[in-house]
Amino acid sequence: MQLELDQIRVKHAMCRDVVTVSPGDSLHEALEQIVENRVAALPVVNGRGCCVGMLSTSDLIDLTHELDDEFLHLDGAHWGYRLWMIEQLSNSLNSETVSDQMTDSVASIGPDTSLALAAGEMLRNRVHRLPVVDQKKRLLGIISTMDIMRVVADGAVL
């Protein structure tokens, strides 16, 4: 018997093993986590385990756009200046914190919400993942478009 997406709960499809960062972590540390774990976003969790934001690769790309103009002027620059700019970028990633770049107004969802409603929430908010939280906003997991697609594909009749 196949279940409809409005009958399947988020808690049955979500990922429970979630890599997170803290608001005070450096952007460099967060970038290392993103690369090392091959994820596109990290929930930002405070000391009480509450999800207070998300840091995505899009947030980091926005940071690089700010630096893009600086690097455009490097074409004719002296080699020493280029090295200095690269060092400044590295320092920026080490000195700026996750809270400086994260998205803090994050849509989240409860574990007993249906996958259909979760998909609708993703569409409304134009995101690919939602933190799954309890009533106290403590992070329980994350549900992504890929998790929903996996459920759809598993239930597909060929």
Protein backbone atom coordinates (compact mmCIF):
# COMPACT_ATOMS: atom_id res chain seq x y z
CA MET A 1 0.00 0.00 0.00
CA GLN A 2 1.36 3.38 -0.97
CA LEU A 3 1.13 6.33 1.37
CA GLU A 4 0.36 9.81 0.12
CA LEU A 5 2.74 12.66 0.95
CA ASP A 6 0.13 14.18 3.23
CA GLN A 7 0.12 10.96 5.28
CA ILE A 8 3.90 10.67 5.73
CA ARG A 9 5.39 12.71 8.56
CA VAL A 10 8.60 14.71 8.39
CA LYS A 11 10.08 12.64 11.25
CA HIS A 12 10.02 9.55 8.99
CA ALA A 13 12.03 11.17 6.19
CA MET A 14 14.28 13.74 7.91
CA CYS A 15 17.99 13.41 8.47
CA ARG A 16 18.74 13.17 12.19
CA ASP A 17 22.53 13.24 11.92
CA VAL A 18 22.95 16.95 11.25
CA VAL A 19 26.21 18.88 11.09
CA THR A 20 25.77 22.23 12.83
CA VAL A 21 27.73 25.36 13.66
CA SER A 22 27.47 27.89 16.47
CA PRO A 23 26.83 31.60 15.96
CA GLY A 24 30.33 32.44 17.26
CA ASP A 25 32.20 30.03 14.97
CA SER A 26 34.35 31.65 12.30
CA LEU A 27 33.28 31.57 8.68
CA HIS A 28 36.46 29.63 7.98
CA GLU A 29 35.39 26.90 10.42
CA ALA A 30 31.92 26.83 8.86
CA LEU A 31 33.34 26.59 5.34
CA GLU A 32 35.53 23.69 6.45
CA GLN A 33 32.42 21.92 7.80
CA ILE A 34 30.53 22.51 4.55
CA VAL A 35 33.37 21.13 2.43
CA GLU A 36 34.26 18.26 4.75
CA ASN A 37 30.66 17.06 5.08
CA ARG A 38 29.59 17.86 1.51
CA VAL A 39 26.53 19.83 2.55
CA ALA A 40 25.05 22.99 1.12
CA ALA A 41 23.91 24.49 4.41
CA LEU A 42 24.43 24.26 8.14
CA PRO A 43 21.88 24.93 10.84
CA VAL A 44 23.19 27.44 13.36
CA VAL A 45 22.53 26.18 16.88
CA ASN A 46 23.03 28.06 20.14
CA GLY A 47 24.26 26.58 23.43
CA ARG A 48 20.76 25.39 24.34
CA GLY A 49 20.46 23.38 21.10
CA CYS A 50 18.01 25.85 19.56
CA CYS A 51 18.16 26.58 15.86
CA VAL A 52 18.81 30.32 15.54
CA GLY A 53 19.67 30.47 11.84
CA MET A 54 21.06 28.81 8.74
CA LEU A 55 24.34 29.36 6.97
CA SER A 56 24.27 28.26 3.35
CA THR A 57 26.73 28.27 0.52
CA SER A 58 24.56 31.05 -0.93
CA ASP A 59 25.38 33.20 2.11
CA LEU A 60 29.08 32.59 1.52
CA ILE A 61 28.73 33.36 -2.19
CA ASP A 62 27.17 36.70 -1.23
CA LEU A 63 30.33 37.41 0.76
CA THR A 64 32.51 36.63 -2.24
CA HIS A 65 30.48 39.01 -4.44
CA GLU A 66 31.54 41.81 -2.12
CA LEU A 67 35.17 40.83 -2.69
CA ASP A 68 34.74 40.27 -6.42
CA ASP A 69 35.20 43.96 -7.28
CA GLU A 70 38.43 44.01 -5.30
CA PHE A 71 39.77 41.00 -7.22
CA LEU A 72 38.78 42.51 -10.60
CA HIS A 73 41.34 45.23 -10.02
CA LEU A 74 44.08 42.69 -9.39
CA ASP A 75 44.72 41.94 -13.08
CA GLY A 76 47.38 44.62 -13.39
CA ALA A 77 48.38 44.62 -9.75
CA HIS A 78 51.79 43.79 -8.41
CA TRP A 79 52.21 40.19 -7.16
CA GLY A 80 52.75 41.39 -3.59
CA TYR A 81 49.40 43.18 -3.63
CA ARG A 82 47.68 40.03 -4.88
CA LEU A 83 49.17 38.03 -2.02
CA TRP A 84 48.07 40.73 0.40
CA MET A 85 44.47 40.57 -0.92
CA ILE A 86 44.39 36.79 -0.58
CA GLU A 87 45.68 37.14 2.97
CA GLN A 88 42.93 39.69 3.69
CA LEU A 89 40.31 37.26 2.41
CA SER A 90 41.70 34.55 4.64
CA ASN A 91 41.72 36.92 7.62
CA SER A 92 38.14 37.92 6.85
CA LEU A 93 37.01 34.29 6.88
CA ASN A 94 38.78 33.81 10.22
CA SER A 95 37.58 37.03 11.85
CA GLU A 96 33.96 37.12 10.67
CA THR A 97 31.59 34.87 12.55
CA VAL A 98 28.74 32.72 11.39
CA SER A 99 26.29 35.18 12.97
CA ASP A 100 27.66 37.90 10.67
CA GLN A 101 26.57 36.03 7.52
CA MET A 102 23.83 33.59 8.55
CA THR A 103 20.19 33.95 7.69
CA ASP A 104 18.48 34.44 11.02
CA SER A 105 14.84 34.47 9.94
CA VAL A 106 14.60 30.79 9.12
CA ALA A 107 11.44 28.86 8.41
CA SER A 108 11.31 25.64 10.39
CA ILE A 109 8.92 22.74 10.71
CA GLY A 110 7.82 20.27 13.36
CA PRO A 111 8.47 16.53 13.18
CA ASP A 112 4.76 15.61 12.96
CA THR A 113 4.12 17.84 9.95
CA SER A 114 3.25 16.05 6.71
CA LEU A 115 5.74 15.94 3.85
CA ALA A 116 3.17 17.71 1.67
CA LEU A 117 3.06 20.67 4.07
CA ALA A 118 6.86 20.63 4.37
CA ALA A 119 7.19 20.79 0.58
CA GLY A 120 4.73 23.70 0.49
CA GLU A 121 6.70 25.52 3.18
CA MET A 122 9.90 25.06 1.15
CA LEU A 123 8.20 26.49 -1.93
CA ARG A 124 6.76 29.47 -0.04
CA ASN A 125 10.13 30.30 1.48
CA ARG A 126 12.14 29.41 -1.64
CA VAL A 127 14.50 27.10 0.28
CA HIS A 128 15.78 23.58 -0.26
CA ARG A 129 15.82 22.51 3.37
CA LEU A 130 14.04 23.18 6.63
CA PRO A 131 15.28 22.64 10.17
CA VAL A 132 13.02 20.25 12.07
CA VAL A 133 12.50 21.59 15.58
CA ASP A 134 10.47 20.83 18.69
CA GLN A 135 8.20 23.34 20.46
CA LYS A 136 11.21 24.94 22.15
CA LYS A 137 12.97 25.39 18.77
CA ARG A 138 15.57 22.71 19.62
CA LEU A 139 16.98 21.13 16.48
CA LEU A 140 15.84 17.54 15.91
CA GLY A 141 16.94 17.13 12.30
CA ILE A 142 16.66 18.59 8.84
CA ILE A 143 14.36 17.82 5.91
CA SER A 144 15.48 18.61 2.38
CA THR A 145 13.98 18.48 -1.07
CA MET A 146 16.16 15.42 -1.68
CA ASP A 147 14.60 13.66 1.34
CA ILE A 148 11.14 14.31 -0.08
CA MET A 149 12.23 13.17 -3.54
CA ARG A 150 13.59 9.96 -2.00
CA VAL A 151 10.17 9.21 -0.49
CA VAL A 152 8.48 9.94 -3.82
CA ALA A 153 10.95 7.76 -5.73
CA ASP A 154 10.63 4.91 -3.22
CA GLY A 155 6.85 4.98 -3.63
CA ALA A 156 6.86 5.36 -7.40
CA VAL A 157 5.17 2.63 -9.39
CA LEU A 158 6.96 1.84 -12.65
